[in-house]
Amino acid sequence: PGTLYLVATPIGNLDDMPPRVAATFGLADFVAAEDTRVTLRLLNHLASKSRWSATMSTRSTSEAILNRIEAGEIALCSDAGMPCISDPAEQIVREATSAASGSC
């Protein structure tokens, strides 16, 4: 199975971005975005060439992202703060964790 990286982004100032964020985007085969407009601005700021997906707001998109996780390394990017608290990524993280532990 693949790898899911959870990428927390700082609230407010792109210059507060830790170097590890750019490194994680560099490792990922694909970036799943909560909002592609925000994530594209971040990827451009970091000069990242990562490929990215549409928003994570629909069930079919979530299933597609889970399938991609099985095939490679995915960076799941939230708009502000850490994903899976109260955003669309919560379900993806829950299902990926279940699949990794063999309970799916």
PDB file of N, CA and C in Angstrom:
ATOM      1  N   PRO A   1       0.818  -1.202   0.000  1.00  0.00           N
ATOM      2  CA  PRO A   1       0.000   0.000   0.000  1.00  0.00           C
ATOM      3  C   PRO A   1       0.856   1.258   0.000  1.00  0.00           C
ATOM      4  N   GLY A   2       0.244   2.355  -0.346  1.00  0.00           N
ATOM      5  CA  GLY A   2       0.944   3.630  -0.430  1.00  0.00           C
ATOM      6  C   GLY A   2       1.055   4.344   0.897  1.00  0.00           C
ATOM      7  N   THR A   3       1.386   5.615   0.800  1.00  0.00           N
ATOM      8  CA  THR A   3       1.607   6.445   1.975  1.00  0.00           C
ATOM      9  C   THR A   3       0.730   7.687   1.892  1.00  0.00           C
ATOM     10  N   LEU A   4       0.112   8.052   3.010  1.00  0.00           N
ATOM     11  CA  LEU A   4      -0.675   9.271   3.108  1.00  0.00           C
ATOM     12  C   LEU A   4       0.053  10.222   4.046  1.00  0.00           C
ATOM     13  N   TYR A   5       0.447  11.368   3.515  1.00  0.00           N
ATOM     14  CA  TYR A   5       1.059  12.419   4.322  1.00  0.00           C
ATOM     15  C   TYR A   5      -0.011  13.451   4.647  1.00  0.00           C
ATOM     16  N   LEU A   6      -0.150  13.828   5.915  1.00  0.00           N
ATOM     17  CA  LEU A   6      -1.057  14.887   6.313  1.00  0.00           C
ATOM     18  C   LEU A   6      -0.248  16.165   6.401  1.00  0.00           C
ATOM     19  N   VAL A   7      -0.614  17.150   5.595  1.00  0.00           N
ATOM     20  CA  VAL A   7       0.152  18.392   5.512  1.00  0.00           C
ATOM     21  C   VAL A   7      -0.634  19.526   6.162  1.00  0.00           C
ATOM     22  N   ALA A   8      -0.156  19.966   7.309  1.00  0.00           N
ATOM     23  CA  ALA A   8      -0.765  21.110   7.981  1.00  0.00           C
ATOM     24  C   ALA A   8      -0.168  22.385   7.401  1.00  0.00           C
ATOM     25  N   THR A   9      -1.005  23.359   7.164  1.00  0.00           N
ATOM     26  CA  THR A   9      -0.529  24.621   6.610  1.00  0.00           C
ATOM     27  C   THR A   9      -0.753  25.728   7.633  1.00  0.00           C
ATOM     28  N   PRO A  10       0.148  26.703   7.702  1.00  0.00           N
ATOM     29  CA  PRO A  10      -0.023  27.781   8.668  1.00  0.00           C
ATOM     30  C   PRO A  10      -1.199  28.682   8.295  1.00  0.00           C
ATOM     31  N   ILE A  11      -1.782  29.252   9.288  1.00  0.00           N
ATOM     32  CA  ILE A  11      -2.902  30.157   9.077  1.00  0.00           C
ATOM     33  C   ILE A  11      -2.346  31.560   8.879  1.00  0.00           C
ATOM     34  N   GLY A  12      -2.599  32.140   7.707  1.00  0.00           N
ATOM     35  CA  GLY A  12      -2.264  33.535   7.496  1.00  0.00           C
ATOM     36  C   GLY A  12      -1.092  33.829   6.592  1.00  0.00           C
ATOM     37  N   ASN A  13       0.117  33.457   6.947  1.00  0.00           N
ATOM     38  CA  ASN A  13       1.303  33.922   6.238  1.00  0.00           C
ATOM     39  C   ASN A  13       2.057  32.747   5.617  1.00  0.00           C
ATOM     40  N   LEU A  14       2.174  32.740   4.294  1.00  0.00           N
ATOM     41  CA  LEU A  14       2.881  31.648   3.619  1.00  0.00           C
ATOM     42  C   LEU A  14       4.355  31.582   4.007  1.00  0.00           C
ATOM     43  N   ASP A  15       4.924  32.687   4.467  1.00  0.00           N
ATOM     44  CA  ASP A  15       6.329  32.671   4.876  1.00  0.00           C
ATOM     45  C   ASP A  15       6.547  31.920   6.186  1.00  0.00           C
ATOM     46  N   ASP A  16       5.464  31.563   6.883  1.00  0.00           N
ATOM     47  CA  ASP A  16       5.573  30.764   8.104  1.00  0.00           C
ATOM     48  C   ASP A  16       5.621  29.271   7.807  1.00  0.00           C
ATOM     49  N   MET A  17       5.628  28.929   6.527  1.00  0.00           N
ATOM     50  CA  MET A  17       5.616  27.527   6.110  1.00  0.00           C
ATOM     51  C   MET A  17       6.924  26.839   6.488  1.00  0.00           C
ATOM     52  N   PRO A  18       6.854  25.734   7.241  1.00  0.00           N
ATOM     53  CA  PRO A  18       8.089  25.027   7.570  1.00  0.00           C
ATOM     54  C   PRO A  18       8.666  24.324   6.337  1.00  0.00           C
ATOM     55  N   PRO A  19       9.983  24.156   6.287  1.00  0.00           N
ATOM     56  CA  PRO A  19      10.615  23.486   5.143  1.00  0.00           C
ATOM     57  C   PRO A  19      10.094  22.071   4.912  1.00  0.00           C
ATOM     58  N   ARG A  20       9.629  21.428   5.959  1.00  0.00           N
ATOM     59  CA  ARG A  20       9.137  20.057   5.824  1.00  0.00           C
ATOM     60  C   ARG A  20       7.917  19.979   4.892  1.00  0.00           C
ATOM     61  N   VAL A  21       7.126  21.038   4.821  1.00  0.00           N
ATOM     62  CA  VAL A  21       5.967  21.037   3.928  1.00  0.00           C
ATOM     63  C   VAL A  21       6.426  20.910   2.477  1.00  0.00           C
ATOM     64  N   ALA A  22       7.385  21.721   2.078  1.00  0.00           N
ATOM     65  CA  ALA A  22       7.903  21.641   0.705  1.00  0.00           C
ATOM     66  C   ALA A  22       8.509  20.271   0.440  1.00  0.00           C
ATOM     67  N   ALA A  23       9.226  19.729   1.416  1.00  0.00           N
ATOM     68  CA  ALA A  23       9.835  18.408   1.249  1.00  0.00           C
ATOM     69  C   ALA A  23       8.758  17.332   1.086  1.00  0.00           C
ATOM     70  N   THR A  24       7.685  17.434   1.846  1.00  0.00           N
ATOM     71  CA  THR A  24       6.603  16.450   1.752  1.00  0.00           C
ATOM     72  C   THR A  24       5.912  16.524   0.400  1.00  0.00           C
ATOM     73  N   PHE A  25       5.648  17.734  -0.082  1.00  0.00           N
ATOM     74  CA  PHE A  25       5.057  17.860  -1.413  1.00  0.00           C
ATOM     75  C   PHE A  25       5.991  17.263  -2.463  1.00  0.00           C
ATOM     76  N   GLY A  26       7.291  17.396  -2.267  1.00  0.00           N
ATOM     77  CA  GLY A  26       8.249  16.826  -3.201  1.00  0.00           C
ATOM     78  C   GLY A  26       8.235  15.307  -3.210  1.00  0.00           C
ATOM     79  N   LEU A  27       7.923  14.689  -2.075  1.00  0.00           N
ATOM     80  CA  LEU A  27       7.848  13.226  -1.978  1.00  0.00           C
ATOM     81  C   LEU A  27       6.575  12.660  -2.589  1.00  0.00           C
ATOM     82  N   ALA A  28       5.526  13.437  -2.537  1.00  0.00           N
ATOM     83  CA  ALA A  28       4.209  12.932  -2.933  1.00  0.00           C
ATOM     84  C   ALA A  28       4.070  12.826  -4.451  1.00  0.00           C
ATOM     85  N   ASP A  29       3.397  11.772  -4.870  1.00  0.00           N
ATOM     86  CA  ASP A  29       3.061  11.599  -6.280  1.00  0.00           C
ATOM     87  C   ASP A  29       1.884  12.494  -6.654  1.00  0.00           C
ATOM     88  N   PHE A  30       1.108  12.870  -5.653  1.00  0.00           N
ATOM     89  CA  PHE A  30      -0.159  13.547  -5.881  1.00  0.00           C
ATOM     90  C   PHE A  30      -0.520  14.346  -4.639  1.00  0.00           C
ATOM     91  N   VAL A  31      -1.162  15.500  -4.813  1.00  0.00           N
ATOM     92  CA  VAL A  31      -1.625  16.320  -3.691  1.00  0.00           C
ATOM     93  C   VAL A  31      -3.142  16.414  -3.748  1.00  0.00           C
ATOM     94  N   ALA A  32      -3.805  16.015  -2.679  1.00  0.00           N
ATOM     95  CA  ALA A  32      -5.247  16.178  -2.562  1.00  0.00           C
ATOM     96  C   ALA A  32      -5.494  17.481  -1.812  1.00  0.00           C
ATOM     97  N   ALA A  33      -6.366  18.310  -2.351  1.00  0.00           N
ATOM     98  CA  ALA A  33      -6.566  19.644  -1.797  1.00  0.00           C
ATOM     99  C   ALA A  33      -7.967  19.821  -1.247  1.00  0.00           C
ATOM    100  N   GLU A  34      -8.033  20.491  -0.100  1.00  0.00           N
ATOM    101  CA  GLU A  34      -9.338  20.871   0.431  1.00  0.00           C
ATOM    102  C   GLU A  34      -9.971  21.911  -0.489  1.00  0.00           C
ATOM    103  N   ASP A  35      -9.178  22.870  -0.931  1.00  0.00           N
ATOM    104  CA  ASP A  35      -9.628  23.901  -1.873  1.00  0.00           C
ATOM    105  C   ASP A  35      -8.467  24.133  -2.845  1.00  0.00           C
ATOM    106  N   THR A  36      -8.643  23.781  -4.099  1.00  0.00           N
ATOM    107  CA  THR A  36      -7.539  23.847  -5.059  1.00  0.00           C
ATOM    108  C   THR A  36      -7.012  25.259  -5.258  1.00  0.00           C
ATOM    109  N   ARG A  37      -7.858  26.262  -5.084  1.00  0.00           N
ATOM    110  CA  ARG A  37      -7.384  27.652  -5.240  1.00  0.00           C
ATOM    111  C   ARG A  37      -6.348  27.991  -4.181  1.00  0.00           C
ATOM    112  N   VAL A  38      -6.599  27.582  -2.963  1.00  0.00           N
ATOM    113  CA  VAL A  38      -5.675  27.852  -1.861  1.00  0.00           C
ATOM    114  C   VAL A  38      -4.406  27.016  -2.018  1.00  0.00           C
ATOM    115  N   THR A  39      -4.580  25.738  -2.339  1.00  0.00           N
ATOM    116  CA  THR A  39      -3.427  24.846  -2.465  1.00  0.00           C
ATOM    117  C   THR A  39      -2.554  25.234  -3.647  1.00  0.00           C
ATOM    118  N   LEU A  40      -3.155  25.650  -4.743  1.00  0.00           N
ATOM    119  CA  LEU A  40      -2.362  26.090  -5.898  1.00  0.00           C
ATOM    120  C   LEU A  40      -1.498  27.298  -5.522  1.00  0.00           C
ATOM    121  N   ARG A  41      -2.049  28.220  -4.777  1.00  0.00           N
ATOM    122  CA  ARG A  41      -1.270  29.384  -4.324  1.00  0.00           C
ATOM    123  C   ARG A  41      -0.081  28.916  -3.473  1.00  0.00           C
ATOM    124  N   LEU A  42      -0.324  27.942  -2.601  1.00  0.00           N
ATOM    125  CA  LEU A  42       0.736  27.393  -1.754  1.00  0.00           C
ATOM    126  C   LEU A  42       1.800  26.682  -2.597  1.00  0.00           C
ATOM    127  N   LEU A  43       1.370  25.838  -3.529  1.00  0.00           N
ATOM    128  CA  LEU A  43       2.329  25.115  -4.374  1.00  0.00           C
ATOM    129  C   LEU A  43       3.146  26.085  -5.227  1.00  0.00           C
ATOM    130  N   ASN A  44       2.511  27.132  -5.732  1.00  0.00           N
ATOM    131  CA  ASN A  44       3.244  28.147  -6.494  1.00  0.00           C
ATOM    132  C   ASN A  44       4.254  28.872  -5.612  1.00  0.00           C
ATOM    133  N   HIS A  45       3.870  29.192  -4.386  1.00  0.00           N
ATOM    134  CA  HIS A  45       4.775  29.858  -3.444  1.00  0.00           C
ATOM    135  C   HIS A  45       6.010  28.990  -3.178  1.00  0.00           C
ATOM    136  N   LEU A  46       5.799  27.696  -3.084  1.00  0.00           N
ATOM    137  CA  LEU A  46       6.892  26.750  -2.813  1.00  0.00           C
ATOM    138  C   LEU A  46       7.599  26.304  -4.090  1.00  0.00           C
ATOM    139  N   ALA A  47       7.134  26.763  -5.237  1.00  0.00           N
ATOM    140  CA  ALA A  47       7.671  26.361  -6.541  1.00  0.00           C
ATOM    141  C   ALA A  47       7.621  24.846  -6.700  1.00  0.00           C
ATOM    142  N   SER A  48       6.541  24.246  -6.209  1.00  0.00           N
ATOM    143  CA  SER A  48       6.367  22.799  -6.274  1.00  0.00           C
ATOM    144  C   SER A  48       5.740  22.401  -7.603  1.00  0.00           C
ATOM    145  N   LYS A  49       6.206  21.298  -8.147  1.00  0.00           N
ATOM    146  CA  LYS A  49       5.673  20.772  -9.403  1.00  0.00           C
ATOM    147  C   LYS A  49       4.708  19.609  -9.159  1.00  0.00           C
ATOM    148  N   SER A  50       4.257  19.441  -7.908  1.00  0.00           N
ATOM    149  CA  SER A  50       3.365  18.344  -7.561  1.00  0.00           C
ATOM    150  C   SER A  50       2.070  18.417  -8.347  1.00  0.00           C
ATOM    151  N   ARG A  51       1.539  17.252  -8.684  1.00  0.00           N
ATOM    152  CA  ARG A  51       0.216  17.185  -9.298  1.00  0.00           C
ATOM    153  C   ARG A  51      -0.815  17.232  -8.179  1.00  0.00           C
ATOM    154  N   TRP A  52      -1.971  17.774  -8.450  1.00  0.00           N
ATOM    155  CA  TRP A  52      -2.975  17.881  -7.407  1.00  0.00           C
ATOM    156  C   TRP A  52      -4.354  17.572  -7.940  1.00  0.00           C
ATOM    157  N   SER A  53      -5.278  17.325  -7.010  1.00  0.00           N
ATOM    158  CA  SER A  53      -6.621  16.897  -7.379  1.00  0.00           C
ATOM    159  C   SER A  53      -7.643  17.990  -7.149  1.00  0.00           C
ATOM    160  N   ALA A  54      -8.861  17.635  -7.420  1.00  0.00           N
ATOM    161  CA  ALA A  54      -9.984  18.521  -7.112  1.00  0.00           C
ATOM    162  C   ALA A  54     -10.249  18.499  -5.613  1.00  0.00           C
ATOM    163  N   THR A  55     -11.224  19.248  -5.202  1.00  0.00           N
ATOM    164  CA  THR A  55     -11.549  19.321  -3.784  1.00  0.00           C
ATOM    165  C   THR A  55     -12.021  17.970  -3.264  1.00  0.00           C
ATOM    166  N   MET A  56     -11.961  17.810  -1.959  1.00  0.00           N
ATOM    167  CA  MET A  56     -12.295  16.537  -1.327  1.00  0.00           C
ATOM    168  C   MET A  56     -13.722  16.507  -0.810  1.00  0.00           C
ATOM    169  N   SER A  57     -14.616  17.276  -1.360  1.00  0.00           N
ATOM    170  CA  SER A  57     -15.932  17.448  -0.773  1.00  0.00           C
ATOM    171  C   SER A  57     -16.965  16.397  -1.186  1.00  0.00           C
ATOM    172  N   THR A  58     -16.677  15.578  -2.178  1.00  0.00           N
ATOM    173  CA  THR A  58     -17.670  14.590  -2.604  1.00  0.00           C
ATOM    174  C   THR A  58     -17.191  13.179  -2.303  1.00  0.00           C
ATOM    175  N   ARG A  59     -18.127  12.281  -2.157  1.00  0.00           N
ATOM    176  CA  ARG A  59     -17.807  10.874  -1.858  1.00  0.00           C
ATOM    177  C   ARG A  59     -17.006  10.246  -2.995  1.00  0.00           C
ATOM    178  N   SER A  60     -17.353  10.534  -4.235  1.00  0.00           N
ATOM    179  CA  SER A  60     -16.621   9.941  -5.358  1.00  0.00           C
ATOM    180  C   SER A  60     -15.180  10.436  -5.382  1.00  0.00           C
ATOM    181  N   THR A  61     -14.960  11.706  -5.035  1.00  0.00           N
ATOM    182  CA  THR A  61     -13.596  12.228  -4.961  1.00  0.00           C
ATOM    183  C   THR A  61     -12.832  11.530  -3.846  1.00  0.00           C
ATOM    184  N   SER A  62     -13.472  11.318  -2.701  1.00  0.00           N
ATOM    185  CA  SER A  62     -12.834  10.631  -1.584  1.00  0.00           C
ATOM    186  C   SER A  62     -12.414   9.219  -1.982  1.00  0.00           C
ATOM    187  N   GLU A  63     -13.280   8.514  -2.676  1.00  0.00           N
ATOM    188  CA  GLU A  63     -12.955   7.152  -3.119  1.00  0.00           C
ATOM    189  C   GLU A  63     -11.776   7.170  -4.084  1.00  0.00           C
ATOM    190  N   ALA A  64     -11.749   8.133  -4.985  1.00  0.00           N
ATOM    191  CA  ALA A  64     -10.637   8.242  -5.933  1.00  0.00           C
ATOM    192  C   ALA A  64      -9.325   8.505  -5.200  1.00  0.00           C
ATOM    193  N   ILE A  65      -9.359   9.353  -4.186  1.00  0.00           N
ATOM    194  CA  ILE A  65      -8.151   9.652  -3.407  1.00  0.00           C
ATOM    195  C   ILE A  65      -7.699   8.412  -2.646  1.00  0.00           C
ATOM    196  N   LEU A  66      -8.629   7.683  -2.044  1.00  0.00           N
ATOM    197  CA  LEU A  66      -8.268   6.447  -1.330  1.00  0.00           C
ATOM    198  C   LEU A  66      -7.640   5.436  -2.277  1.00  0.00           C
ATOM    199  N   ASN A  67      -8.147   5.335  -3.498  1.00  0.00           N
ATOM    200  CA  ASN A  67      -7.558   4.434  -4.496  1.00  0.00           C
ATOM    201  C   ASN A  67      -6.146   4.873  -4.860  1.00  0.00           C
ATOM    202  N   ARG A  68      -5.917   6.190  -4.950  1.00  0.00           N
ATOM    203  CA  ARG A  68      -4.576   6.693  -5.282  1.00  0.00           C
ATOM    204  C   ARG A  68      -3.595   6.435  -4.152  1.00  0.00           C
ATOM    205  N   ILE A  69      -4.077   6.472  -2.911  1.00  0.00           N
ATOM    206  CA  ILE A  69      -3.197   6.194  -1.779  1.00  0.00           C
ATOM    207  C   ILE A  69      -2.638   4.785  -1.901  1.00  0.00           C
ATOM    208  N   GLU A  70      -3.471   3.856  -2.319  1.00  0.00           N
ATOM    209  CA  GLU A  70      -3.022   2.475  -2.479  1.00  0.00           C
ATOM    210  C   GLU A  70      -1.938   2.353  -3.550  1.00  0.00           C
ATOM    211  N   ALA A  71      -1.919   3.285  -4.507  1.00  0.00           N
ATOM    212  CA  ALA A  71      -0.997   3.203  -5.635  1.00  0.00           C
ATOM    213  C   ALA A  71       0.279   4.027  -5.462  1.00  0.00           C
ATOM    214  N   GLY A  72       0.346   4.866  -4.429  1.00  0.00           N
ATOM    215  CA  GLY A  72       1.538   5.711  -4.305  1.00  0.00           C
ATOM    216  C   GLY A  72       1.514   6.568  -3.062  1.00  0.00           C
ATOM    217  N   GLU A  73       2.224   7.673  -3.133  1.00  0.00           N
ATOM    218  CA  GLU A  73       2.338   8.568  -1.993  1.00  0.00           C
ATOM    219  C   GLU A  73       1.496   9.822  -2.243  1.00  0.00           C
ATOM    220  N   ILE A  74       0.583  10.108  -1.329  1.00  0.00           N
ATOM    221  CA  ILE A  74      -0.348  11.219  -1.452  1.00  0.00           C
ATOM    222  C   ILE A  74      -0.106  12.201  -0.315  1.00  0.00           C
ATOM    223  N   ALA A  75      -0.075  13.483  -0.622  1.00  0.00           N
ATOM    224  CA  ALA A  75      -0.041  14.529   0.395  1.00  0.00           C
ATOM    225  C   ALA A  75      -1.433  15.136   0.464  1.00  0.00           C
ATOM    226  N   LEU A  76      -2.042  15.060   1.627  1.00  0.00           N
ATOM    227  CA  LEU A  76      -3.365  15.607   1.830  1.00  0.00           C
ATOM    228  C   LEU A  76      -3.196  16.969   2.498  1.00  0.00           C
ATOM    229  N   CYS A  77      -3.582  18.029   1.810  1.00  0.00           N
ATOM    230  CA  CYS A  77      -3.316  19.396   2.249  1.00  0.00           C
ATOM    231  C   CYS A  77      -4.576  20.090   2.725  1.00  0.00           C
ATOM    232  N   SER A  78      -4.535  20.596   3.954  1.00  0.00           N
ATOM    233  CA  SER A  78      -5.658  21.386   4.466  1.00  0.00           C
ATOM    234  C   SER A  78      -5.418  22.854   4.154  1.00  0.00           C
ATOM    235  N   ASP A  79      -6.464  23.642   4.246  1.00  0.00           N
ATOM    236  CA  ASP A  79      -6.334  25.077   3.983  1.00  0.00           C
ATOM    237  C   ASP A  79      -5.692  25.821   5.138  1.00  0.00           C
ATOM    238  N   ALA A  80      -6.008  25.431   6.347  1.00  0.00           N
ATOM    239  CA  ALA A  80      -5.482  26.138   7.519  1.00  0.00           C
ATOM    240  C   ALA A  80      -5.452  25.173   8.696  1.00  0.00           C
ATOM    241  N   GLY A  81      -4.271  24.940   9.211  1.00  0.00           N
ATOM    242  CA  GLY A  81      -4.155  24.029  10.343  1.00  0.00           C
ATOM    243  C   GLY A  81      -4.039  22.585   9.916  1.00  0.00           C
ATOM    244  N   MET A  82      -4.291  21.683  10.847  1.00  0.00           N
ATOM    245  CA  MET A  82      -4.141  20.253  10.610  1.00  0.00           C
ATOM    246  C   MET A  82      -5.436  19.651  10.089  1.00  0.00           C
ATOM    247  N   PRO A  83      -5.358  18.830   9.044  1.00  0.00           N
ATOM    248  CA  PRO A  83      -6.573  18.201   8.520  1.00  0.00           C
ATOM    249  C   PRO A  83      -7.174  17.213   9.510  1.00  0.00           C
ATOM    250  N   CYS A  84      -8.366  16.843   9.246  1.00  0.00           N
ATOM    251  CA  CYS A  84      -9.165  15.819   9.929  1.00  0.00           C
ATOM    252  C   CYS A  84      -9.750  16.288  11.251  1.00  0.00           C
ATOM    253  N   ILE A  85      -9.815  17.567  11.476  1.00  0.00           N
ATOM    254  CA  ILE A  85     -10.498  18.072  12.657  1.00  0.00           C
ATOM    255  C   ILE A  85     -11.948  18.381  12.294  1.00  0.00           C
ATOM    256  N   SER A  86     -12.153  19.215  11.311  1.00  0.00           N
ATOM    257  CA  SER A  86     -13.520  19.533  10.891  1.00  0.00           C
ATOM    258  C   SER A  86     -13.561  19.917   9.421  1.00  0.00           C
ATOM    259  N   ASP A  87     -12.848  19.179   8.600  1.00  0.00           N
ATOM    260  CA  ASP A  87     -12.839  19.475   7.169  1.00  0.00           C
ATOM    261  C   ASP A  87     -13.099  18.207   6.368  1.00  0.00           C
ATOM    262  N   PRO A  88     -13.188  18.302   5.057  1.00  0.00           N
ATOM    263  CA  PRO A  88     -13.504  17.135   4.238  1.00  0.00           C
ATOM    264  C   PRO A  88     -12.482  16.003   4.336  1.00  0.00           C
ATOM    265  N   ALA A  89     -11.293  16.281   4.781  1.00  0.00           N
ATOM    266  CA  ALA A  89     -10.259  15.253   4.862  1.00  0.00           C
ATOM    267  C   ALA A  89     -10.513  14.244   5.973  1.00  0.00           C
ATOM    268  N   GLU A  90     -11.363  14.580   6.914  1.00  0.00           N
ATOM    269  CA  GLU A  90     -11.599  13.700   8.056  1.00  0.00           C
ATOM    270  C   GLU A  90     -11.974  12.284   7.624  1.00  0.00           C
ATOM    271  N   GLN A  91     -12.907  12.155   6.692  1.00  0.00           N
ATOM    272  CA  GLN A  91     -13.354  10.838   6.241  1.00  0.00           C
ATOM    273  C   GLN A  91     -12.233  10.085   5.512  1.00  0.00           C
ATOM    274  N   ILE A  92     -11.459  10.783   4.706  1.00  0.00           N
ATOM    275  CA  ILE A  92     -10.352  10.142   3.990  1.00  0.00           C
ATOM    276  C   ILE A  92      -9.324   9.598   4.974  1.00  0.00           C
ATOM    277  N   VAL A  93      -8.969  10.394   5.975  1.00  0.00           N
ATOM    278  CA  VAL A  93      -7.988   9.963   6.972  1.00  0.00           C
ATOM    279  C   VAL A  93      -8.524   8.764   7.748  1.00  0.00           C
ATOM    280  N   ARG A  94      -9.782   8.810   8.134  1.00  0.00           N
ATOM    281  CA  ARG A  94     -10.383   7.701   8.879  1.00  0.00           C
ATOM    282  C   ARG A  94     -10.345   6.409   8.050  1.00  0.00           C
ATOM    283  N   GLU A  95     -10.745   6.499   6.790  1.00  0.00           N
ATOM    284  CA  GLU A  95     -10.784   5.304   5.943  1.00  0.00           C
ATOM    285  C   GLU A  95      -9.383   4.798   5.607  1.00  0.00           C
ATOM    286  N   ALA A  96      -8.431   5.708   5.377  1.00  0.00           N
ATOM    287  CA  ALA A  96      -7.064   5.281   5.093  1.00  0.00           C
ATOM    288  C   ALA A  96      -6.460   4.596   6.310  1.00  0.00           C
ATOM    289  N   THR A  97      -6.749   5.115   7.494  1.00  0.00           N
ATOM    290  CA  THR A  97      -6.249   4.495   8.725  1.00  0.00           C
ATOM    291  C   THR A  97      -6.849   3.110   8.921  1.00  0.00           C
ATOM    292  N   SER A  98      -8.139   2.985   8.658  1.00  0.00           N
ATOM    293  CA  SER A  98      -8.798   1.678   8.774  1.00  0.00           C
ATOM    294  C   SER A  98      -8.213   0.678   7.787  1.00  0.00           C
ATOM    295  N   ALA A  99      -7.979   1.123   6.558  1.00  0.00           N
ATOM    296  CA  ALA A  99      -7.427   0.226   5.537  1.00  0.00           C
ATOM    297  C   ALA A  99      -6.004  -0.210   5.918  1.00  0.00           C
ATOM    298  N   ALA A 100      -5.224   0.704   6.473  1.00  0.00           N
ATOM    299  CA  ALA A 100      -3.842   0.381   6.854  1.00  0.00           C
ATOM    300  C   ALA A 100      -3.810  -0.607   8.015  1.00  0.00           C
ATOM    301  N   SER A 101      -4.802  -0.525   8.896  1.00  0.00           N
ATOM    302  CA  SER A 101      -4.811  -1.433  10.040  1.00  0.00           C
ATOM    303  C   SER A 101      -5.496  -2.753   9.710  1.00  0.00           C
ATOM    304  N   GLY A 102      -6.032  -2.846   8.493  1.00  0.00           N
ATOM    305  CA  GLY A 102      -6.647  -4.098   8.043  1.00  0.00           C
ATOM    306  C   GLY A 102      -8.074  -4.281   8.506  1.00  0.00           C
ATOM    307  N   SER A 103      -8.707  -3.226   8.993  1.00  0.00           N
ATOM    308  CA  SER A 103     -10.070  -3.373   9.489  1.00  0.00           C
ATOM    309  C   SER A 103     -11.117  -2.996   8.461  1.00  0.00           C
ATOM    310  N   CYS A 104     -10.721  -2.699   7.228  1.00  0.00           N
ATOM    311  CA  CYS A 104     -11.702  -2.386   6.180  1.00  0.00           C
ATOM    312  C   CYS A 104     -12.093  -3.629   5.439  1.00  0.00           C
TER     313      CYS A 104
END
